Protein backbone atom coordinates (compact mmCIF):
# COMPACT_ATOMS: atom_id res chain seq x y z
CA MET A 1 30.20 -23.30 30.50
CA LYS A 2 26.84 -23.17 28.58
CA GLU A 3 24.80 -20.18 27.23
CA TYR A 4 21.13 -19.91 26.75
CA LYS A 5 18.61 -18.29 24.20
CA VAL A 6 15.07 -17.64 24.73
CA LEU A 7 12.86 -17.81 21.53
CA THR A 8 9.33 -16.39 21.63
CA GLN A 9 6.62 -15.75 19.19
CA LYS A 10 7.99 -12.09 18.93
CA ASP A 11 11.26 -13.20 17.59
CA ARG A 12 12.26 -11.90 14.21
CA PHE A 13 11.92 -15.25 12.52
CA PHE A 14 8.08 -14.93 13.01
CA GLY A 15 7.52 -11.46 11.44
CA GLY A 16 4.72 -10.58 13.59
CA THR A 17 2.62 -13.69 13.13
CA PHE A 18 3.09 -17.21 14.59
CA ASP A 19 3.42 -20.30 12.19
CA PRO A 20 4.73 -23.85 13.30
CA GLU A 21 6.62 -23.90 9.83
CA LYS A 22 8.50 -20.84 10.72
CA LEU A 23 9.18 -22.10 14.26
CA GLU A 24 10.66 -25.48 12.36
CA LYS A 25 12.80 -23.13 10.46
CA ALA A 26 13.98 -20.93 13.24
CA ILE A 27 14.91 -23.91 15.68
CA ASN A 28 16.86 -25.68 12.48
CA SER A 29 18.60 -22.38 11.75
CA TYR A 30 19.66 -21.98 15.19
CA ALA A 31 20.59 -25.62 15.55
CA THR A 32 23.25 -24.80 12.69
CA GLU A 33 24.73 -22.57 15.15
CA GLY A 34 25.14 -25.44 17.83
CA TRP A 35 21.75 -24.46 19.79
CA VAL A 36 19.75 -27.41 21.33
CA VAL A 37 16.08 -27.17 22.57
CA VAL A 38 16.13 -27.88 25.96
CA SER A 39 12.31 -26.74 27.18
CA VAL A 40 9.22 -25.54 25.79
CA ALA A 41 6.67 -23.77 27.82
CA THR A 42 3.58 -21.64 27.51
CA ALA A 43 3.17 -18.35 29.41
CA SER A 44 0.04 -16.33 29.93
CA ILE A 45 0.56 -12.87 29.25
CA PRO A 46 -1.83 -10.19 30.56
CA SER A 47 -3.15 -7.45 28.49
CA LEU A 48 -5.95 -4.94 28.13
CA THR A 49 -8.39 -7.39 26.42
CA GLY A 50 -7.42 -10.38 28.62
CA ALA A 51 -4.66 -12.78 28.90
CA ARG A 52 -3.14 -14.28 25.95
CA GLU A 53 -0.78 -17.39 25.37
CA GLU A 54 2.74 -17.13 24.38
CA MET A 55 5.13 -19.85 23.62
CA ILE A 56 8.66 -19.86 25.07
CA VAL A 57 11.44 -21.92 23.64
CA VAL A 58 14.65 -22.30 25.77
CA MET A 59 17.79 -23.39 23.99
CA GLU A 60 21.34 -23.94 25.06
CA ARG A 61 24.84 -24.44 23.53
CA GLU A 62 28.39 -24.83 24.88
CA LYS A 63 29.98 -21.38 25.03
């Protein structure tokens, strides 16, 4: 059986601001726990000032 984790720009690793180096550190940190990236996508999130793009990383590991 597998379990999944969704990592977004709002994850605790980013501290409110997205940075590719922080993403790399987050993925490597989760990798030490057995997580593997299986998909990366961009979602358009509607807001009052227009839509914004948010990155979504889907990870999986054996349960």
